[in-house]
Structures are given as structure tokens and as C-alpha cells.
Amino acid sequence: MPLAYVLDEHLRGPLWRAVQRHNALGTEPLDALRVGDPSDLPLGTGDAELLLWAEKANRLLISFDEKSLAGHLASHLAAGNHCPGIFIPRRQGNIPTLLAFLVEAAYRSRPGEWQDRIEYIP
């Protein structure tokens, strides 16, 4: 079963559009939601609440919030929770490269490979 993602609200633009174009091709579609789409995950959701939601939904978080997420993840784990994983893309990264990484990770990762960690991606 492929990985599922949740995109932080800062990634609602070009990356989201690239995911939609990719999914329209019908080959290895990405299961991705955006903060603000599910009714129980409104825009403005804080990092601590977002980590709880991602754990419950079993979705890896993709976010630019590298400074705040490290501390929130440490607190989340210290409280006995887990996280499917966090991907932090480079701000000046190339969208096609990022999309290719997400597809590769979604379809070729081992179960639990990204759990409880932050991974910096292209």
C-alpha cells in the first residue's frame, strides 16, 4: 500500500498543482491532502495538532516548518505518540524533482521506514 501524505498549508500552491497533474496521468497516483481540506484539519492548525492528526490519519507530513517541527516532534514522541514521518523539502527546490521523490517514496518505501523522523528531501 503506498504512503499517504498531508501537505502543510504553505504547500497549497505549485506542489499541490503538480500532484494534481501527476494524478491525472493515472500512473502511481499520490494520496495527498492539504491542511484546510479535511473539515477536522482547518487552515491555521498548529504543528502539535497537525502531528496528532497525521498520526491518526497515518499520513506523512510535508512541510517547510523545519525550525518549529523538530521541537514539536520531540514533544510528540516524548508524550508516547508516533509520527508516520515528516518530509522537509528545500524552499528553492525543483517541483518535478520533489514530485518524483514523493512518488518513489510512496510506492517503494518499506513499512515504517520514515516513522518518527524528519527527512530533508530534494
N, C-alpha and C. Protein backbone atom coordinates (compact mmCIF):
# COMPACT_ATOMS: atom_id res chain seq x y z
N MET A 1 0.85 -1.18 0.00
CA MET A 1 0.00 0.00 0.00
C MET A 1 0.89 1.24 0.00
N PRO A 2 0.66 2.17 -0.91
CA PRO A 2 1.50 3.38 -0.99
C PRO A 2 1.32 4.27 0.24
N LEU A 3 2.34 5.07 0.50
CA LEU A 3 2.27 6.05 1.57
C LEU A 3 1.23 7.10 1.23
N ALA A 4 0.68 7.72 2.28
CA ALA A 4 -0.26 8.82 2.11
C ALA A 4 0.38 10.07 2.72
N TYR A 5 0.07 11.22 2.16
CA TYR A 5 0.68 12.48 2.58
C TYR A 5 -0.37 13.50 2.99
N VAL A 6 0.08 14.43 3.84
CA VAL A 6 -0.67 15.65 4.11
C VAL A 6 0.30 16.80 3.89
N LEU A 7 -0.10 17.76 3.05
CA LEU A 7 0.72 18.92 2.75
C LEU A 7 0.34 20.05 3.68
N ASP A 8 1.34 20.62 4.34
CA ASP A 8 1.11 21.76 5.21
C ASP A 8 0.56 22.91 4.36
N GLU A 9 -0.09 23.84 5.01
CA GLU A 9 -0.78 24.89 4.26
C GLU A 9 0.14 25.75 3.41
N HIS A 10 1.43 25.77 3.71
CA HIS A 10 2.38 26.56 2.91
C HIS A 10 2.66 25.92 1.56
N LEU A 11 2.20 24.69 1.38
CA LEU A 11 2.47 23.96 0.14
C LEU A 11 1.21 23.78 -0.70
N ARG A 12 0.26 24.65 -0.54
CA ARG A 12 -1.02 24.54 -1.24
C ARG A 12 -0.93 24.98 -2.70
N GLY A 13 0.17 25.60 -3.10
CA GLY A 13 0.29 26.17 -4.45
C GLY A 13 0.91 25.23 -5.46
N PRO A 14 2.15 25.53 -5.90
CA PRO A 14 2.77 24.78 -7.00
C PRO A 14 2.89 23.27 -6.75
N LEU A 15 3.24 22.85 -5.54
CA LEU A 15 3.35 21.42 -5.30
C LEU A 15 2.00 20.74 -5.42
N TRP A 16 0.97 21.34 -4.87
CA TRP A 16 -0.37 20.76 -4.96
C TRP A 16 -0.81 20.64 -6.42
N ARG A 17 -0.57 21.67 -7.20
CA ARG A 17 -0.95 21.62 -8.62
C ARG A 17 -0.16 20.52 -9.35
N ALA A 18 1.11 20.36 -9.00
CA ALA A 18 1.93 19.30 -9.61
C ALA A 18 1.39 17.92 -9.24
N VAL A 19 0.97 17.74 -8.00
CA VAL A 19 0.38 16.46 -7.57
C VAL A 19 -0.89 16.19 -8.37
N GLN A 20 -1.71 17.20 -8.55
CA GLN A 20 -2.96 17.02 -9.30
C GLN A 20 -2.69 16.66 -10.75
N ARG A 21 -1.72 17.33 -11.37
CA ARG A 21 -1.37 17.00 -12.76
C ARG A 21 -0.83 15.57 -12.85
N HIS A 22 0.01 15.20 -11.89
CA HIS A 22 0.57 13.85 -11.85
C HIS A 22 -0.56 12.82 -11.71
N ASN A 23 -1.47 13.06 -10.79
CA ASN A 23 -2.56 12.11 -10.55
C ASN A 23 -3.48 11.96 -11.76
N ALA A 24 -3.61 13.01 -12.54
CA ALA A 24 -4.45 12.94 -13.74
C ALA A 24 -3.88 11.97 -14.77
N LEU A 25 -2.59 11.69 -14.69
CA LEU A 25 -1.96 10.74 -15.62
C LEU A 25 -2.36 9.30 -15.31
N GLY A 26 -2.77 9.05 -14.06
CA GLY A 26 -3.25 7.73 -13.67
C GLY A 26 -2.18 6.71 -13.33
N THR A 27 -0.93 7.06 -13.40
CA THR A 27 0.16 6.15 -13.08
C THR A 27 0.74 6.49 -11.72
N GLU A 28 0.70 5.54 -10.80
CA GLU A 28 1.21 5.74 -9.45
C GLU A 28 0.72 7.05 -8.83
N PRO A 29 -0.60 7.19 -8.70
CA PRO A 29 -1.15 8.42 -8.13
C PRO A 29 -0.75 8.58 -6.66
N LEU A 30 -0.63 9.82 -6.25
CA LEU A 30 -0.30 10.14 -4.86
C LEU A 30 -1.57 10.38 -4.06
N ASP A 31 -1.63 9.79 -2.89
CA ASP A 31 -2.72 10.02 -1.95
C ASP A 31 -2.29 11.20 -1.08
N ALA A 32 -2.74 12.37 -1.45
CA ALA A 32 -2.32 13.59 -0.76
C ALA A 32 -3.52 14.46 -0.44
N LEU A 33 -3.50 15.02 0.75
CA LEU A 33 -4.47 16.01 1.21
C LEU A 33 -3.71 17.26 1.61
N ARG A 34 -4.44 18.36 1.71
CA ARG A 34 -3.83 19.60 2.16
C ARG A 34 -4.46 20.02 3.48
N VAL A 35 -3.66 20.63 4.34
CA VAL A 35 -4.24 21.28 5.52
C VAL A 35 -5.28 22.26 4.98
N GLY A 36 -6.46 22.22 5.55
CA GLY A 36 -7.55 23.07 5.08
C GLY A 36 -8.58 22.32 4.27
N ASP A 37 -8.24 21.14 3.77
CA ASP A 37 -9.20 20.36 3.00
C ASP A 37 -10.12 19.54 3.90
N PRO A 38 -9.58 18.66 4.76
CA PRO A 38 -10.49 17.91 5.65
C PRO A 38 -11.11 18.87 6.68
N SER A 39 -12.36 18.66 7.00
CA SER A 39 -13.04 19.56 7.94
C SER A 39 -12.41 19.54 9.32
N ASP A 40 -11.77 18.43 9.70
CA ASP A 40 -11.14 18.36 11.01
C ASP A 40 -9.67 18.79 10.99
N LEU A 41 -9.23 19.41 9.88
CA LEU A 41 -7.86 19.91 9.75
C LEU A 41 -7.90 21.29 9.07
N PRO A 42 -8.40 22.31 9.79
CA PRO A 42 -8.59 23.62 9.17
C PRO A 42 -7.27 24.37 8.94
N LEU A 43 -7.31 25.32 8.03
CA LEU A 43 -6.17 26.22 7.86
C LEU A 43 -5.83 26.83 9.21
N GLY A 44 -4.56 27.02 9.48
CA GLY A 44 -4.13 27.59 10.74
C GLY A 44 -3.91 26.57 11.84
N THR A 45 -4.08 25.28 11.53
CA THR A 45 -3.84 24.23 12.53
C THR A 45 -2.37 24.30 12.96
N GLY A 46 -2.14 24.31 14.27
CA GLY A 46 -0.79 24.36 14.81
C GLY A 46 -0.04 23.06 14.59
N ASP A 47 1.28 23.14 14.70
CA ASP A 47 2.12 21.96 14.45
C ASP A 47 1.79 20.79 15.38
N ALA A 48 1.58 21.06 16.65
CA ALA A 48 1.29 19.98 17.60
C ALA A 48 0.01 19.24 17.21
N GLU A 49 -1.03 20.00 16.85
CA GLU A 49 -2.29 19.39 16.45
C GLU A 49 -2.15 18.68 15.11
N LEU A 50 -1.36 19.24 14.22
CA LEU A 50 -1.13 18.64 12.91
C LEU A 50 -0.43 17.28 13.06
N LEU A 51 0.54 17.20 13.96
CA LEU A 51 1.21 15.91 14.18
C LEU A 51 0.24 14.86 14.73
N LEU A 52 -0.63 15.26 15.63
CA LEU A 52 -1.64 14.32 16.15
C LEU A 52 -2.56 13.86 15.03
N TRP A 53 -3.00 14.80 14.19
CA TRP A 53 -3.89 14.46 13.07
C TRP A 53 -3.17 13.51 12.10
N ALA A 54 -1.92 13.82 11.76
CA ALA A 54 -1.16 12.98 10.82
C ALA A 54 -0.98 11.57 11.37
N GLU A 55 -0.74 11.47 12.68
CA GLU A 55 -0.60 10.15 13.28
C GLU A 55 -1.90 9.36 13.17
N LYS A 56 -3.00 10.01 13.53
CA LYS A 56 -4.31 9.35 13.47
C LYS A 56 -4.67 8.92 12.04
N ALA A 57 -4.35 9.78 11.08
CA ALA A 57 -4.67 9.51 9.67
C ALA A 57 -3.61 8.67 8.96
N ASN A 58 -2.49 8.41 9.64
CA ASN A 58 -1.36 7.68 9.08
C ASN A 58 -0.88 8.31 7.77
N ARG A 59 -0.63 9.62 7.84
CA ARG A 59 -0.13 10.37 6.68
C ARG A 59 1.18 11.05 7.03
N LEU A 60 2.15 10.94 6.16
CA LEU A 60 3.40 11.66 6.33
C LEU A 60 3.14 13.13 6.07
N LEU A 61 3.76 13.97 6.87
CA LEU A 61 3.61 15.41 6.76
C LEU A 61 4.70 15.97 5.86
N ILE A 62 4.31 16.82 4.93
CA ILE A 62 5.27 17.54 4.10
C ILE A 62 5.13 19.01 4.47
N SER A 63 6.22 19.62 4.93
CA SER A 63 6.15 20.99 5.44
C SER A 63 7.49 21.70 5.29
N PHE A 64 7.44 23.02 5.23
CA PHE A 64 8.64 23.85 5.26
C PHE A 64 9.04 24.22 6.69
N ASP A 65 8.24 23.90 7.68
CA ASP A 65 8.44 24.37 9.06
C ASP A 65 9.53 23.60 9.79
N GLU A 66 10.75 23.62 9.26
CA GLU A 66 11.81 22.81 9.85
C GLU A 66 12.18 23.26 11.26
N LYS A 67 12.17 24.53 11.54
CA LYS A 67 12.58 25.01 12.87
C LYS A 67 11.57 24.61 13.94
N SER A 68 10.30 24.81 13.70
CA SER A 68 9.30 24.53 14.73
C SER A 68 8.96 23.04 14.82
N LEU A 69 9.02 22.34 13.71
CA LEU A 69 8.59 20.93 13.74
C LEU A 69 9.53 20.03 14.53
N ALA A 70 10.81 20.33 14.55
CA ALA A 70 11.74 19.49 15.30
C ALA A 70 11.36 19.45 16.78
N GLY A 71 11.08 20.61 17.36
CA GLY A 71 10.67 20.66 18.76
C GLY A 71 9.32 20.02 19.00
N HIS A 72 8.39 20.27 18.11
CA HIS A 72 7.05 19.67 18.25
C HIS A 72 7.12 18.15 18.10
N LEU A 73 7.96 17.66 17.18
CA LEU A 73 8.09 16.22 17.03
C LEU A 73 8.69 15.60 18.29
N ALA A 74 9.70 16.25 18.87
CA ALA A 74 10.31 15.73 20.10
C ALA A 74 9.26 15.65 21.22
N SER A 75 8.44 16.67 21.36
CA SER A 75 7.38 16.66 22.38
C SER A 75 6.34 15.59 22.09
N HIS A 76 5.99 15.46 20.82
CA HIS A 76 5.01 14.46 20.38
C HIS A 76 5.48 13.05 20.74
N LEU A 77 6.75 12.77 20.45
CA LEU A 77 7.30 11.45 20.73
C LEU A 77 7.45 11.23 22.23
N ALA A 78 7.86 12.27 22.96
CA ALA A 78 8.03 12.16 24.42
C ALA A 78 6.70 11.86 25.11
N ALA A 79 5.60 12.28 24.50
CA ALA A 79 4.27 12.02 25.06
C ALA A 79 3.78 10.61 24.74
N GLY A 80 4.62 9.82 24.08
CA GLY A 80 4.24 8.44 23.76
C GLY A 80 3.55 8.28 22.43
N ASN A 81 3.52 9.34 21.64
CA ASN A 81 2.90 9.29 20.32
C ASN A 81 3.92 8.87 19.28
N HIS A 82 3.45 8.67 18.07
CA HIS A 82 4.32 8.36 16.95
C HIS A 82 3.96 9.26 15.78
N CYS A 83 4.80 9.27 14.79
CA CYS A 83 4.58 10.08 13.60
C CYS A 83 4.95 9.23 12.39
N PRO A 84 4.08 9.18 11.37
CA PRO A 84 4.42 8.42 10.17
C PRO A 84 5.69 8.93 9.49
N GLY A 85 6.06 10.18 9.77
CA GLY A 85 7.26 10.79 9.21
C GLY A 85 6.98 12.21 8.76
N ILE A 86 8.06 12.96 8.62
CA ILE A 86 7.98 14.35 8.17
C ILE A 86 9.01 14.54 7.06
N PHE A 87 8.57 15.07 5.94
CA PHE A 87 9.46 15.43 4.85
C PHE A 87 9.55 16.95 4.80
N ILE A 88 10.78 17.45 4.80
CA ILE A 88 11.03 18.89 4.69
C ILE A 88 11.72 19.13 3.34
N PRO A 89 11.00 19.70 2.37
CA PRO A 89 11.64 19.99 1.08
C PRO A 89 12.47 21.28 1.15
N ARG A 90 13.42 21.38 0.26
CA ARG A 90 14.20 22.63 0.14
C ARG A 90 13.26 23.72 -0.40
N ARG A 91 13.37 24.90 0.17
CA ARG A 91 12.49 26.00 -0.27
C ARG A 91 12.73 26.38 -1.73
N GLN A 92 13.95 26.28 -2.18
CA GLN A 92 14.26 26.63 -3.56
C GLN A 92 14.34 25.38 -4.44
N GLY A 93 13.74 24.30 -3.97
CA GLY A 93 13.80 23.03 -4.70
C GLY A 93 13.02 23.05 -6.00
N ASN A 94 13.27 22.05 -6.77
CA ASN A 94 12.66 21.87 -8.07
C ASN A 94 11.41 21.00 -7.89
N ILE A 95 10.24 21.49 -8.30
CA ILE A 95 8.98 20.77 -8.10
C ILE A 95 8.99 19.40 -8.79
N PRO A 96 9.45 19.26 -10.03
CA PRO A 96 9.47 17.93 -10.63
C PRO A 96 10.35 16.93 -9.87
N THR A 97 11.47 17.39 -9.34
CA THR A 97 12.35 16.52 -8.55
C THR A 97 11.67 16.12 -7.25
N LEU A 98 11.03 17.07 -6.60
CA LEU A 98 10.30 16.79 -5.37
C LEU A 98 9.16 15.80 -5.62
N LEU A 99 8.42 16.03 -6.68
CA LEU A 99 7.31 15.14 -7.02
C LEU A 99 7.82 13.71 -7.30
N ALA A 100 8.92 13.60 -8.02
CA ALA A 100 9.50 12.29 -8.32
C ALA A 100 9.90 11.59 -7.02
N PHE A 101 10.48 12.34 -6.07
CA PHE A 101 10.84 11.75 -4.79
C PHE A 101 9.60 11.25 -4.06
N LEU A 102 8.54 12.05 -4.03
CA LEU A 102 7.32 11.65 -3.32
C LEU A 102 6.70 10.40 -3.91
N VAL A 103 6.70 10.29 -5.23
CA VAL A 103 6.17 9.08 -5.88
C VAL A 103 7.05 7.88 -5.52
N GLU A 104 8.35 8.06 -5.62
CA GLU A 104 9.27 6.96 -5.30
C GLU A 104 9.09 6.52 -3.85
N ALA A 105 9.03 7.47 -2.93
CA ALA A 105 8.86 7.14 -1.51
C ALA A 105 7.51 6.45 -1.28
N ALA A 106 6.46 6.96 -1.91
CA ALA A 106 5.12 6.41 -1.70
C ALA A 106 5.03 4.95 -2.12
N TYR A 107 5.66 4.60 -3.22
CA TYR A 107 5.48 3.27 -3.78
C TYR A 107 6.62 2.29 -3.49
N ARG A 108 7.74 2.79 -2.99
CA ARG A 108 8.88 1.89 -2.82
C ARG A 108 9.49 1.90 -1.42
N SER A 109 8.85 2.56 -0.48
CA SER A 109 9.34 2.58 0.90
C SER A 109 8.91 1.31 1.62
N ARG A 110 9.71 0.93 2.60
CA ARG A 110 9.34 -0.18 3.47
C ARG A 110 8.38 0.33 4.54
N PRO A 111 7.49 -0.50 5.05
CA PRO A 111 6.58 -0.07 6.12
C PRO A 111 7.37 0.48 7.31
N GLY A 112 6.98 1.65 7.77
CA GLY A 112 7.61 2.27 8.92
C GLY A 112 8.97 2.90 8.65
N GLU A 113 9.40 2.93 7.41
CA GLU A 113 10.74 3.44 7.07
C GLU A 113 10.96 4.88 7.54
N TRP A 114 9.94 5.70 7.50
CA TRP A 114 10.09 7.13 7.82
C TRP A 114 9.55 7.47 9.20
N GLN A 115 9.05 6.48 9.92
CA GLN A 115 8.36 6.72 11.20
C GLN A 115 9.26 7.44 12.20
N ASP A 116 8.64 8.43 12.87
CA ASP A 116 9.24 9.17 13.98
C ASP A 116 10.50 9.93 13.62
N ARG A 117 10.61 10.34 12.36
CA ARG A 117 11.80 11.10 11.97
C ARG A 117 11.48 12.19 10.96
N ILE A 118 12.40 13.11 10.86
CA ILE A 118 12.33 14.18 9.87
C ILE A 118 13.37 13.88 8.80
N GLU A 119 12.94 13.97 7.57
CA GLU A 119 13.84 13.74 6.44
C GLU A 119 13.85 14.97 5.56
N TYR A 120 15.03 15.49 5.28
CA TYR A 120 15.17 16.62 4.37
C TYR A 120 15.28 16.08 2.96
N ILE A 121 14.43 16.57 2.07
CA ILE A 121 14.33 15.98 0.74
C ILE A 121 14.61 17.03 -0.34
N PRO A 122 14.88 16.55 -1.56
CA PRO A 122 15.23 17.49 -2.66
C PRO A 122 14.12 18.45 -3.00
